[in-house]
N, C-alpha and C. Protein backbone atom coordinates (compact mmCIF):
# COMPACT_ATOMS: atom_id res chain seq x y z
N MET A 1 -9.66 6.33 -0.19
CA MET A 1 -8.48 6.03 0.42
C MET A 1 -8.15 6.62 1.69
N PHE A 2 -8.10 5.99 3.05
CA PHE A 2 -7.91 6.83 4.13
C PHE A 2 -6.31 7.07 4.36
N VAL A 3 -5.61 6.00 4.16
CA VAL A 3 -4.12 6.38 4.30
C VAL A 3 -3.56 5.43 3.26
N SER A 4 -2.33 5.69 2.86
CA SER A 4 -1.45 5.10 1.83
C SER A 4 -1.00 3.93 2.80
N ASN A 5 -0.57 2.85 1.81
CA ASN A 5 -0.12 1.34 2.41
C ASN A 5 1.29 1.60 3.49
N VAL A 6 2.29 2.43 2.83
CA VAL A 6 3.62 2.45 3.70
C VAL A 6 3.08 3.14 4.96
N PRO A 7 2.56 4.60 5.06
CA PRO A 7 2.23 5.11 6.25
C PRO A 7 1.23 4.18 7.15
N ALA A 8 0.61 3.38 6.63
CA ALA A 8 -0.25 2.58 7.38
C ALA A 8 0.48 1.69 8.34
N VAL A 9 1.42 1.04 7.67
CA VAL A 9 2.67 -0.02 8.32
C VAL A 9 3.25 0.83 9.37
N LEU A 10 3.65 2.15 9.00
CA LEU A 10 4.50 2.79 9.91
C LEU A 10 3.38 3.24 11.22
N LEU A 11 2.05 3.42 10.87
CA LEU A 11 1.25 3.56 12.10
C LEU A 11 0.99 2.30 13.01
N LEU A 12 1.31 1.23 12.55
CA LEU A 12 0.99 0.08 13.24
C LEU A 12 2.14 -0.32 14.39
N ASP A 13 3.34 0.57 14.13
CA ASP A 13 4.49 0.45 15.05
C ASP A 13 4.16 0.41 16.38
N HIS A 14 3.45 1.30 17.02
CA HIS A 14 2.88 1.22 18.44
C HIS A 14 2.09 0.00 18.70
N LEU A 15 1.39 -0.67 17.86
CA LEU A 15 0.60 -1.88 18.30
C LEU A 15 1.58 -3.16 18.41
N ILE A 16 2.73 -3.12 18.03
CA ILE A 16 3.68 -4.29 18.00
C ILE A 16 4.58 -4.02 19.14
N SER A 17 4.34 -5.28 20.07
CA SER A 17 5.17 -4.89 21.58
C SER A 17 6.68 -4.96 20.98
N HIS A 18 7.30 -5.91 20.33
CA HIS A 18 8.85 -6.00 20.23
C HIS A 18 8.98 -6.25 18.84
N PRO A 19 8.84 -5.36 17.93
CA PRO A 19 9.12 -5.35 16.75
C PRO A 19 10.32 -5.76 16.10
N ASP A 20 10.61 -6.78 15.29
CA ASP A 20 12.11 -7.06 14.93
C ASP A 20 12.11 -7.15 13.45
N LYS A 21 13.09 -7.69 12.74
CA LYS A 21 13.16 -7.64 11.45
C LYS A 21 12.05 -8.45 10.66
N ARG A 22 12.01 -9.57 11.25
CA ARG A 22 11.21 -10.54 10.43
C ARG A 22 9.69 -9.64 10.75
N THR A 23 9.29 -9.28 11.68
CA THR A 23 7.87 -8.82 11.82
C THR A 23 7.64 -7.64 10.99
N TRP A 24 8.73 -6.62 10.71
CA TRP A 24 8.54 -5.67 9.73
C TRP A 24 8.52 -6.23 8.46
N LEU A 25 9.24 -7.22 7.97
CA LEU A 25 9.10 -7.99 6.52
C LEU A 25 7.80 -8.47 6.51
N LEU A 26 7.26 -8.96 7.24
CA LEU A 26 5.64 -9.70 7.35
C LEU A 26 4.66 -8.49 7.01
N LEU A 27 5.05 -7.28 7.59
CA LEU A 27 4.21 -6.37 7.31
C LEU A 27 4.38 -5.70 6.21
N ALA A 28 5.59 -5.26 5.85
CA ALA A 28 6.05 -4.63 4.58
C ALA A 28 5.53 -5.37 3.30
N THR A 29 5.70 -6.60 3.27
CA THR A 29 5.56 -7.45 2.06
C THR A 29 4.13 -7.31 1.60
N PRO A 30 3.37 -7.65 2.38
CA PRO A 30 2.00 -7.58 1.77
C PRO A 30 1.50 -6.15 1.60
N SER A 31 1.96 -5.24 2.31
CA SER A 31 1.59 -3.88 2.14
C SER A 31 2.20 -3.29 0.73
N THR A 32 3.48 -3.87 0.45
CA THR A 32 3.94 -3.18 -0.86
C THR A 32 3.18 -4.23 -2.09
N LEU A 33 2.93 -5.38 -1.83
CA LEU A 33 2.12 -6.18 -2.79
C LEU A 33 0.56 -5.46 -2.99
N ALA A 34 0.04 -5.17 -1.90
CA ALA A 34 -1.36 -4.42 -2.20
C ALA A 34 -1.16 -3.23 -2.76
N GLY A 35 -0.11 -2.55 -2.43
CA GLY A 35 -0.02 -1.27 -3.23
C GLY A 35 0.22 -1.32 -4.75
N ASN A 36 0.84 -2.40 -5.13
CA ASN A 36 1.30 -2.57 -6.46
C ASN A 36 0.19 -3.39 -7.05
N LEU A 37 -0.49 -4.27 -6.69
CA LEU A 37 -1.22 -5.34 -7.38
C LEU A 37 -2.74 -4.99 -7.24
N SER A 38 -3.16 -3.90 -6.49
CA SER A 38 -4.55 -3.50 -6.34
C SER A 38 -4.72 -2.16 -6.91
N LEU A 39 -5.99 -1.83 -7.66
CA LEU A 39 -6.28 -0.61 -8.21
C LEU A 39 -6.30 0.39 -7.05
N LEU A 40 -7.06 0.37 -5.92
CA LEU A 40 -7.03 1.21 -4.90
C LEU A 40 -5.98 1.21 -3.77
N GLY A 41 -5.03 0.36 -4.14
CA GLY A 41 -3.47 0.22 -3.33
C GLY A 41 -2.60 1.63 -3.43
N SER A 42 -2.80 2.23 -4.53
CA SER A 42 -1.81 3.22 -4.73
C SER A 42 -2.57 4.44 -5.67
N VAL A 43 -2.04 5.56 -5.23
CA VAL A 43 -2.78 6.58 -5.98
C VAL A 43 -2.46 6.76 -7.51
N ALA A 44 -0.93 6.33 -7.50
CA ALA A 44 -0.50 6.03 -9.28
C ALA A 44 -1.21 5.10 -9.84
N ASN A 45 -1.60 4.03 -9.37
CA ASN A 45 -2.57 3.02 -9.92
C ASN A 45 -4.08 3.78 -10.52
N LEU A 46 -4.51 4.43 -9.36
CA LEU A 46 -5.81 5.50 -9.95
C LEU A 46 -5.49 6.41 -11.01
N ILE A 47 -4.53 6.88 -10.91
CA ILE A 47 -4.11 7.95 -12.05
C ILE A 47 -4.05 7.09 -13.59
N VAL A 48 -3.41 6.21 -13.30
CA VAL A 48 -3.02 5.31 -14.51
C VAL A 48 -4.31 4.75 -15.18
N ALA A 49 -5.18 4.27 -14.27
CA ALA A 49 -6.46 3.63 -14.71
C ALA A 49 -7.25 4.86 -15.17
N GLU A 50 -7.36 6.00 -14.61
CA GLU A 50 -8.05 7.26 -15.20
C GLU A 50 -7.69 7.50 -16.61
N ARG A 51 -6.26 7.66 -16.74
CA ARG A 51 -5.77 7.85 -17.99
C ARG A 51 -6.20 7.02 -18.90
N LEU A 52 -6.21 5.65 -18.67
CA LEU A 52 -6.37 4.77 -19.73
C LEU A 52 -7.78 4.69 -19.95
N ASN A 53 -8.90 4.98 -18.87
CA ASN A 53 -10.24 4.94 -19.21
C ASN A 53 -10.52 6.03 -20.16
N ARG A 54 -9.75 7.36 -20.07
CA ARG A 54 -9.91 8.49 -20.96
C ARG A 54 -9.38 8.26 -22.26
N ASP A 55 -8.26 7.54 -22.53
CA ASP A 55 -7.72 7.25 -23.60
C ASP A 55 -8.56 6.29 -24.56
N ILE A 56 -9.03 5.16 -23.70
CA ILE A 56 -9.74 4.16 -24.57
C ILE A 56 -11.15 4.66 -24.94
N VAL A 57 -11.70 5.27 -23.98
CA VAL A 57 -13.32 5.47 -24.32
C VAL A 57 -13.32 6.76 -25.28
């Protein structure tokens, strides 16, 4: 993982010419969903997956 989802959205700030509330919502929503719904989207997801793997095997 190169950078977490929330800091990635904040790094995109300079690429958006005139960010408004709608633009931030359009960036933050998929970022949050990706962080919560994918294994690699969050370090916490990786920790839980490793613990499950250790406990099951």
